[in-house]
Amino acid sequence: MHASNEYSAEWFALFLGTSPPPGLELEIAFIERQLPQPSYERIVDLCCGTGRHARLLAALGYDVLGIDSNRVALATARDSQQPRAQYLELDMRRLADVPGEFDAVLNLWQSFGHFDEATNAAILGLISSKLRSGGRFIIDLYHREFFERRQGMRTFERGGQNVAESKSMVGNRLTVRLQYDTTSASDVYEWQVYTPSELLELAARHDLRCMVACSEFREEVPPTAEQPRMQFVFERS
């Protein structure tokens, strides 16, 4: 099975469901610290999914444009009816079609690296081009070295059902396969994944200066191969 990188209804129901994901409050608090108002008000939530971050940020007074290519996820996002949160169905590769500049762009929950290396780099350039001078880009993504050391199979329980997960690395590409035991559905996702130094080098090529590099959404905790996710805050020069 080839990777679709389209999140299925089973994935959304199982991993997001009706309750907030673990750590959501911590993530929102981190964003608030890094995007203090009124200096940062107009935000793009790129690959916003069901709008779990967008609607909470809008409730805090930010003007948020949530962008995603998944129509079903956007329908859920729009149900929140938060007036400061607007949503747009758009592939992230077409970010240039969005008019204007913004104070900040968010890209959270490993939503970067879906495409080939050149396209991923070009997307980072598009993100930079949407930021005003001094605007910030916050990205939350996988640490490649964590997954290089943890390939293979595991089974875990989520929402009352067992999920069989397979992780494999080929070069800088991570493939994750999920098989759900209560349905015939399965998902396959693939990304280019980065080390901290690789991401910093790529960002610098697009006039993005690193302000914060951390994990656990805590500024004082550095990125490490012992943690699956890492967060960076970049500022456009």
C-alpha atoms as a PDB file:
ATOM      1  CA  MET A   1       0.000   0.000   0.000  1.00  0.00           C
ATOM      2  CA  HIS A   2       1.310   3.436  -0.943  1.00  0.00           C
ATOM      3  CA  ALA A   3       1.250   6.330   1.516  1.00  0.00           C
ATOM      4  CA  SER A   4      -1.740   8.580   0.971  1.00  0.00           C
ATOM      5  CA  ASN A   5      -0.864  11.169   3.630  1.00  0.00           C
ATOM      6  CA  GLU A   6      -4.609  11.819   3.796  1.00  0.00           C
ATOM      7  CA  TYR A   7      -5.877  11.351   7.328  1.00  0.00           C
ATOM      8  CA  SER A   8      -8.817   8.954   7.351  1.00  0.00           C
ATOM      9  CA  ALA A   9     -12.087   9.188   9.243  1.00  0.00           C
ATOM     10  CA  GLU A  10     -10.823   6.342  11.458  1.00  0.00           C
ATOM     11  CA  TRP A  11      -7.686   8.297  12.327  1.00  0.00           C
ATOM     12  CA  PHE A  12      -9.597  11.451  13.236  1.00  0.00           C
ATOM     13  CA  ALA A  13     -12.117   9.515  15.331  1.00  0.00           C
ATOM     14  CA  LEU A  14      -9.452   7.552  17.164  1.00  0.00           C
ATOM     15  CA  PHE A  15      -6.716  10.117  17.752  1.00  0.00           C
ATOM     16  CA  LEU A  16      -8.755  13.288  18.101  1.00  0.00           C
ATOM     17  CA  GLY A  17     -12.330  12.180  18.737  1.00  0.00           C
ATOM     18  CA  THR A  18     -14.499  14.453  20.830  1.00  0.00           C
ATOM     19  CA  SER A  19     -12.082  15.198  23.667  1.00  0.00           C
ATOM     20  CA  PRO A  20      -9.054  17.516  23.442  1.00  0.00           C
ATOM     21  CA  PRO A  21      -5.786  15.705  22.626  1.00  0.00           C
ATOM     22  CA  PRO A  22      -3.376  15.334  25.544  1.00  0.00           C
ATOM     23  CA  GLY A  23      -1.089  18.332  25.774  1.00  0.00           C
ATOM     24  CA  LEU A  24      -3.334  20.752  23.890  1.00  0.00           C
ATOM     25  CA  GLU A  25      -3.376  23.280  26.741  1.00  0.00           C
ATOM     26  CA  LEU A  26       0.430  23.122  26.940  1.00  0.00           C
ATOM     27  CA  GLU A  27       0.676  23.728  23.183  1.00  0.00           C
ATOM     28  CA  ILE A  28      -1.659  26.732  23.299  1.00  0.00           C
ATOM     29  CA  ALA A  29       0.254  28.221  26.238  1.00  0.00           C
ATOM     30  CA  PHE A  30       3.518  27.848  24.301  1.00  0.00           C
ATOM     31  CA  ILE A  31       2.019  29.617  21.283  1.00  0.00           C
ATOM     32  CA  GLU A  32       0.752  32.432  23.509  1.00  0.00           C
ATOM     33  CA  ARG A  33       4.228  32.934  24.977  1.00  0.00           C
ATOM     34  CA  GLN A  34       5.885  32.986  21.575  1.00  0.00           C
ATOM     35  CA  LEU A  35       3.226  35.132  19.884  1.00  0.00           C
ATOM     36  CA  PRO A  36       2.394  37.828  22.435  1.00  0.00           C
ATOM     37  CA  GLN A  37      -0.460  40.126  21.533  1.00  0.00           C
ATOM     38  CA  PRO A  38      -0.788  42.747  20.153  1.00  0.00           C
ATOM     39  CA  SER A  39       2.510  42.240  18.289  1.00  0.00           C
ATOM     40  CA  TYR A  40       1.200  39.001  16.799  1.00  0.00           C
ATOM     41  CA  GLU A  41      -2.484  38.902  15.924  1.00  0.00           C
ATOM     42  CA  ARG A  42      -2.975  37.588  12.365  1.00  0.00           C
ATOM     43  CA  ILE A  43      -2.086  33.894  12.273  1.00  0.00           C
ATOM     44  CA  VAL A  44      -2.188  31.130   9.667  1.00  0.00           C
ATOM     45  CA  ASP A  45      -2.707  27.646  11.104  1.00  0.00           C
ATOM     46  CA  LEU A  46      -1.302  25.627   8.205  1.00  0.00           C
ATOM     47  CA  CYS A  47      -2.640  22.053   8.095  1.00  0.00           C
ATOM     48  CA  CYS A  48      -5.148  22.973  10.792  1.00  0.00           C
ATOM     49  CA  GLY A  49      -7.101  19.704  10.707  1.00  0.00           C
ATOM     50  CA  THR A  50     -10.272  19.966  12.773  1.00  0.00           C
ATOM     51  CA  GLY A  51      -9.268  23.395  14.055  1.00  0.00           C
ATOM     52  CA  ARG A  52      -8.447  22.378  17.616  1.00  0.00           C
ATOM     53  CA  HIS A  53      -5.685  25.002  17.887  1.00  0.00           C
ATOM     54  CA  ALA A  54      -7.349  27.596  15.663  1.00  0.00           C
ATOM     55  CA  ARG A  55     -10.562  27.860  17.639  1.00  0.00           C
ATOM     56  CA  LEU A  56      -8.800  28.128  21.004  1.00  0.00           C
ATOM     57  CA  LEU A  57      -6.435  30.792  19.684  1.00  0.00           C
ATOM     58  CA  ALA A  58      -9.378  32.674  18.186  1.00  0.00           C
ATOM     59  CA  ALA A  59     -11.101  32.588  21.570  1.00  0.00           C
ATOM     60  CA  LEU A  60      -7.973  34.227  23.006  1.00  0.00           C
ATOM     61  CA  GLY A  61      -8.297  37.128  20.556  1.00  0.00           C
ATOM     62  CA  TYR A  62      -6.105  36.062  17.636  1.00  0.00           C
ATOM     63  CA  ASP A  63      -7.416  36.334  14.078  1.00  0.00           C
ATOM     64  CA  VAL A  64      -6.767  32.866  12.674  1.00  0.00           C
ATOM     65  CA  LEU A  65      -6.933  31.526   9.141  1.00  0.00           C
ATOM     66  CA  GLY A  66      -6.978  27.736   9.262  1.00  0.00           C
ATOM     67  CA  ILE A  67      -5.812  26.051   6.058  1.00  0.00           C
ATOM     68  CA  ASP A  68      -6.169  22.361   5.269  1.00  0.00           C
ATOM     69  CA  SER A  69      -6.777  20.158   2.233  1.00  0.00           C
ATOM     70  CA  ASN A  70      -9.041  17.734   4.122  1.00  0.00           C
ATOM     71  CA  ARG A  71     -12.653  18.749   3.498  1.00  0.00           C
ATOM     72  CA  VAL A  72     -14.087  16.511   6.218  1.00  0.00           C
ATOM     73  CA  ALA A  73     -11.726  17.920   8.849  1.00  0.00           C
ATOM     74  CA  LEU A  74     -12.564  21.476   7.805  1.00  0.00           C
ATOM     75  CA  ALA A  75     -16.288  20.775   8.134  1.00  0.00           C
ATOM     76  CA  THR A  76     -15.659  19.847  11.768  1.00  0.00           C
ATOM     77  CA  ALA A  77     -13.539  22.964  12.252  1.00  0.00           C
ATOM     78  CA  ARG A  78     -16.255  25.231  10.884  1.00  0.00           C
ATOM     79  CA  ASP A  79     -18.813  23.755  13.279  1.00  0.00           C
ATOM     80  CA  SER A  80     -17.128  25.640  16.129  1.00  0.00           C
ATOM     81  CA  GLN A  81     -18.543  28.931  14.767  1.00  0.00           C
ATOM     82  CA  GLN A  82     -15.748  30.969  16.322  1.00  0.00           C
ATOM     83  CA  PRO A  83     -15.963  34.366  14.554  1.00  0.00           C
ATOM     84  CA  ARG A  84     -12.220  35.074  14.728  1.00  0.00           C
ATOM     85  CA  ALA A  85     -11.384  31.745  13.067  1.00  0.00           C
ATOM     86  CA  GLN A  86     -11.862  31.405   9.318  1.00  0.00           C
ATOM     87  CA  TYR A  87     -11.074  28.289   7.290  1.00  0.00           C
ATOM     88  CA  LEU A  88      -9.849  27.668   3.766  1.00  0.00           C
ATOM     89  CA  GLU A  89      -9.608  24.390   1.846  1.00  0.00           C
ATOM     90  CA  LEU A  90      -6.209  24.561   0.170  1.00  0.00           C
ATOM     91  CA  ASP A  91      -3.173  22.371  -0.464  1.00  0.00           C
ATOM     92  CA  MET A  92      -0.180  23.772   1.421  1.00  0.00           C
ATOM     93  CA  ARG A  93       1.778  23.782  -1.848  1.00  0.00           C
ATOM     94  CA  ARG A  94      -0.559  26.562  -3.007  1.00  0.00           C
ATOM     95  CA  LEU A  95       0.065  28.849  -0.041  1.00  0.00           C
ATOM     96  CA  ALA A  96       1.105  31.610  -2.452  1.00  0.00           C
ATOM     97  CA  ASP A  97      -2.577  31.840  -3.485  1.00  0.00           C
ATOM     98  CA  VAL A  98      -3.443  33.306  -0.077  1.00  0.00           C
ATOM     99  CA  PRO A  99      -3.260  37.111  -0.319  1.00  0.00           C
ATOM    100  CA  GLY A 100      -1.360  39.298   2.104  1.00  0.00           C
ATOM    101  CA  GLU A 101       1.175  38.789   4.852  1.00  0.00           C
ATOM    102  CA  PHE A 102       0.687  37.490   8.373  1.00  0.00           C
ATOM    103  CA  ASP A 103       2.201  37.963  11.808  1.00  0.00           C
ATOM    104  CA  ALA A 104       2.735  34.234  12.256  1.00  0.00           C
ATOM    105  CA  VAL A 105       2.340  30.813  10.668  1.00  0.00           C
ATOM    106  CA  LEU A 106       1.818  27.625  12.666  1.00  0.00           C
ATOM    107  CA  ASN A 107       2.506  24.101  11.432  1.00  0.00           C
ATOM    108  CA  LEU A 108       1.822  21.615  14.199  1.00  0.00           C
ATOM    109  CA  TRP A 109       1.527  17.877  14.831  1.00  0.00           C
ATOM    110  CA  GLN A 110       4.030  16.645  12.223  1.00  0.00           C
ATOM    111  CA  SER A 111       2.325  18.311   9.273  1.00  0.00           C
ATOM    112  CA  PHE A 112       5.524  19.082   7.351  1.00  0.00           C
ATOM    113  CA  GLY A 113       7.577  16.857   5.051  1.00  0.00           C
ATOM    114  CA  HIS A 114       4.794  15.048   3.165  1.00  0.00           C
ATOM    115  CA  PHE A 115       6.404  15.614  -0.241  1.00  0.00           C
ATOM    116  CA  ASP A 116       9.779  15.154  -1.932  1.00  0.00           C
ATOM    117  CA  GLU A 117      12.786  17.026  -0.607  1.00  0.00           C
ATOM    118  CA  ALA A 118      12.655  19.871  -3.139  1.00  0.00           C
ATOM    119  CA  THR A 119       8.927  20.430  -2.624  1.00  0.00           C
ATOM    120  CA  ASN A 120       9.277  20.441   1.156  1.00  0.00           C
ATOM    121  CA  ALA A 121      12.013  23.067   0.878  1.00  0.00           C
ATOM    122  CA  ALA A 122       9.855  25.128  -1.474  1.00  0.00           C
ATOM    123  CA  ILE A 123       6.964  25.012   1.008  1.00  0.00           C
ATOM    124  CA  LEU A 124       9.215  26.445   3.703  1.00  0.00           C
ATOM    125  CA  GLY A 125      10.031  29.250   1.275  1.00  0.00           C
ATOM    126  CA  LEU A 126       6.312  29.886   0.757  1.00  0.00           C
ATOM    127  CA  ILE A 127       5.778  30.038   4.506  1.00  0.00           C
ATOM    128  CA  SER A 128       8.584  32.582   4.842  1.00  0.00           C
ATOM    129  CA  SER A 129       7.085  34.678   2.044  1.00  0.00           C
ATOM    130  CA  LYS A 130       3.760  34.887   3.914  1.00  0.00           C
ATOM    131  CA  LEU A 131       5.400  36.390   7.002  1.00  0.00           C
ATOM    132  CA  ARG A 132       5.862  40.104   7.517  1.00  0.00           C
ATOM    133  CA  SER A 133       9.324  41.237   8.560  1.00  0.00           C
ATOM    134  CA  GLY A 134       9.668  40.070  12.154  1.00  0.00           C
ATOM    135  CA  GLY A 135       6.845  37.561  11.717  1.00  0.00           C
ATOM    136  CA  ARG A 136       7.235  34.161  13.340  1.00  0.00           C
ATOM    137  CA  PHE A 137       6.923  30.561  12.182  1.00  0.00           C
ATOM    138  CA  ILE A 138       6.228  27.888  14.801  1.00  0.00           C
ATOM    139  CA  ILE A 139       6.716  24.286  13.705  1.00  0.00           C
ATOM    140  CA  ASP A 140       6.208  21.061  15.655  1.00  0.00           C
ATOM    141  CA  LEU A 141       7.675  18.012  13.937  1.00  0.00           C
ATOM    142  CA  TYR A 142       9.332  14.639  14.373  1.00  0.00           C
ATOM    143  CA  HIS A 143      12.985  14.232  15.362  1.00  0.00           C
ATOM    144  CA  ARG A 144      14.526  11.882  12.805  1.00  0.00           C
ATOM    145  CA  GLU A 145      17.030  10.281  15.162  1.00  0.00           C
ATOM    146  CA  PHE A 146      14.267   9.220  17.557  1.00  0.00           C
ATOM    147  CA  PHE A 147      12.607   7.162  14.821  1.00  0.00           C
ATOM    148  CA  GLU A 148      15.863   5.807  13.402  1.00  0.00           C
ATOM    149  CA  ARG A 149      16.350   4.105  16.776  1.00  0.00           C
ATOM    150  CA  ARG A 150      12.769   2.878  17.156  1.00  0.00           C
ATOM    151  CA  GLN A 151      11.752   1.101  13.982  1.00  0.00           C
ATOM    152  CA  GLY A 152       9.546  -1.971  13.984  1.00  0.00           C
ATOM    153  CA  MET A 153       6.115  -3.101  15.124  1.00  0.00           C
ATOM    154  CA  ARG A 154       4.054  -2.383  18.205  1.00  0.00           C
ATOM    155  CA  THR A 155       0.421  -2.728  19.245  1.00  0.00           C
ATOM    156  CA  PHE A 156      -1.310  -0.196  21.458  1.00  0.00           C
ATOM    157  CA  GLU A 157      -4.829   0.508  22.681  1.00  0.00           C
ATOM    158  CA  ARG A 158      -6.654   3.707  21.809  1.00  0.00           C
ATOM    159  CA  GLY A 159     -10.315   4.511  22.280  1.00  0.00           C
ATOM    160  CA  GLY A 160     -11.195   0.919  23.088  1.00  0.00           C
ATOM    161  CA  GLN A 161      -9.566  -0.661  20.054  1.00  0.00           C
ATOM    162  CA  ASN A 162      -6.162  -2.115  19.322  1.00  0.00           C
ATOM    163  CA  VAL A 163      -3.973  -0.471  16.719  1.00  0.00           C
ATOM    164  CA  ALA A 164      -1.039  -2.254  15.059  1.00  0.00           C
ATOM    165  CA  GLU A 165       1.651   0.246  14.144  1.00  0.00           C
ATOM    166  CA  SER A 166       4.699  -0.290  11.948  1.00  0.00           C
ATOM    167  CA  LYS A 167       7.478   2.305  11.662  1.00  0.00           C
ATOM    168  CA  SER A 168      10.304   2.074   9.128  1.00  0.00           C
ATOM    169  CA  MET A 169      13.010   4.416   7.874  1.00  0.00           C
ATOM    170  CA  VAL A 170      14.620   4.535   4.437  1.00  0.00           C
ATOM    171  CA  GLY A 171      17.166   7.322   4.289  1.00  0.00           C
ATOM    172  CA  ASN A 172      15.442  10.429   5.588  1.00  0.00           C
ATOM    173  CA  ARG A 173      11.917   9.070   4.930  1.00  0.00           C
ATOM    174  CA  LEU A 174       9.725   7.723   7.717  1.00  0.00           C
ATOM    175  CA  THR A 175       6.785   5.452   6.879  1.00  0.00           C
ATOM    176  CA  VAL A 176       4.114   4.695   9.480  1.00  0.00           C
ATOM    177  CA  ARG A 177       1.449   2.030   8.875  1.00  0.00           C
ATOM    178  CA  LEU A 178      -1.625   1.748  11.087  1.00  0.00           C
ATOM    179  CA  GLN A 179      -4.027  -1.202  11.097  1.00  0.00           C
ATOM    180  CA  TYR A 180      -7.239  -0.893  13.128  1.00  0.00           C
ATOM    181  CA  ASP A 181      -8.628  -4.088  14.635  1.00  0.00           C
ATOM    182  CA  THR A 182     -12.354  -3.199  14.643  1.00  0.00           C
ATOM    183  CA  THR A 183     -12.502  -2.163  10.990  1.00  0.00           C
ATOM    184  CA  SER A 184     -10.874  -3.234   7.756  1.00  0.00           C
ATOM    185  CA  ALA A 185      -9.352   0.229   7.421  1.00  0.00           C
ATOM    186  CA  SER A 186      -5.645   0.946   7.461  1.00  0.00           C
ATOM    187  CA  ASP A 187      -3.580   4.071   6.979  1.00  0.00           C
ATOM    188  CA  VAL A 188      -0.094   4.635   5.601  1.00  0.00           C
ATOM    189  CA  TYR A 189       1.767   7.904   6.102  1.00  0.00           C
ATOM    190  CA  GLU A 190       5.193   8.946   4.869  1.00  0.00           C
ATOM    191  CA  TRP A 191       7.292  12.021   5.585  1.00  0.00           C
ATOM    192  CA  GLN A 192      10.736  13.419   5.119  1.00  0.00           C
ATOM    193  CA  VAL A 193      11.988  13.830   8.680  1.00  0.00           C
ATOM    194  CA  TYR A 194      14.751  16.115   9.876  1.00  0.00           C
ATOM    195  CA  THR A 195      17.460  16.460  12.455  1.00  0.00           C
ATOM    196  CA  PRO A 196      17.576  19.815  14.266  1.00  0.00           C
ATOM    197  CA  SER A 197      20.664  20.921  12.341  1.00  0.00           C
ATOM    198  CA  GLU A 198      19.073  20.063   8.983  1.00  0.00           C
ATOM    199  CA  LEU A 199      15.968  22.087   9.758  1.00  0.00           C
ATOM    200  CA  LEU A 200      18.007  25.048  10.990  1.00  0.00           C
ATOM    201  CA  GLU A 201      20.078  25.035   7.803  1.00  0.00           C
ATOM    202  CA  LEU A 202      16.981  24.829   5.603  1.00  0.00           C
ATOM    203  CA  ALA A 203      15.247  27.629   7.489  1.00  0.00           C
ATOM    204  CA  ALA A 204      18.286  29.897   7.251  1.00  0.00           C
ATOM    205  CA  ARG A 205      18.179  29.590   3.463  1.00  0.00           C
ATOM    206  CA  HIS A 206      14.721  31.163   3.590  1.00  0.00           C
ATOM    207  CA  ASP A 207      15.591  34.111   5.867  1.00  0.00           C
ATOM    208  CA  LEU A 208      14.246  32.417   8.982  1.00  0.00           C
ATOM    209  CA  ARG A 209      16.278  32.910  12.152  1.00  0.00           C
ATOM    210  CA  CYS A 210      15.854  30.449  15.012  1.00  0.00           C
ATOM    211  CA  MET A 211      14.557  32.018  18.222  1.00  0.00           C
ATOM    212  CA  VAL A 212      13.650  28.850  20.154  1.00  0.00           C
ATOM    213  CA  ALA A 213      14.527  25.166  19.719  1.00  0.00           C
ATOM    214  CA  CYS A 214      12.908  22.853  22.243  1.00  0.00           C
ATOM    215  CA  SER A 215      10.799  19.778  22.925  1.00  0.00           C
ATOM    216  CA  GLU A 216       7.691  19.085  25.016  1.00  0.00           C
ATOM    217  CA  PHE A 217       6.544  22.649  24.160  1.00  0.00           C
ATOM    218  CA  ARG A 218       8.829  23.853  26.967  1.00  0.00           C
ATOM    219  CA  GLU A 219      11.438  26.413  26.006  1.00  0.00           C
ATOM    220  CA  GLU A 220      13.921  25.127  28.568  1.00  0.00           C
ATOM    221  CA  VAL A 221      13.915  21.527  27.239  1.00  0.00           C
ATOM    222  CA  PRO A 222      16.235  21.118  24.222  1.00  0.00           C
ATOM    223  CA  PRO A 223      15.455  18.851  21.265  1.00  0.00           C
ATOM    224  CA  THR A 224      16.778  15.371  21.881  1.00  0.00           C
ATOM    225  CA  ALA A 225      16.714  12.010  20.145  1.00  0.00           C
ATOM    226  CA  GLU A 226      14.949  10.676  23.248  1.00  0.00           C
ATOM    227  CA  GLN A 227      11.818  12.687  22.403  1.00  0.00           C
ATOM    228  CA  PRO A 228       9.751  12.024  19.244  1.00  0.00           C
ATOM    229  CA  ARG A 229       8.749  15.642  18.630  1.00  0.00           C
ATOM    230  CA  MET A 230      10.604  18.928  18.619  1.00  0.00           C
ATOM    231  CA  GLN A 231       9.460  22.527  18.307  1.00  0.00           C
ATOM    232  CA  PHE A 232      11.118  25.530  16.682  1.00  0.00           C
ATOM    233  CA  VAL A 233      10.227  29.191  16.612  1.00  0.00           C
ATOM    234  CA  PHE A 234      11.701  31.071  13.655  1.00  0.00           C
ATOM    235  CA  GLU A 235      11.576  34.785  12.955  1.00  0.00           C
ATOM    236  CA  ARG A 236      11.706  36.248   9.477  1.00  0.00           C
ATOM    237  CA  SER A 237      14.519  38.734   9.011  1.00  0.00           C
END
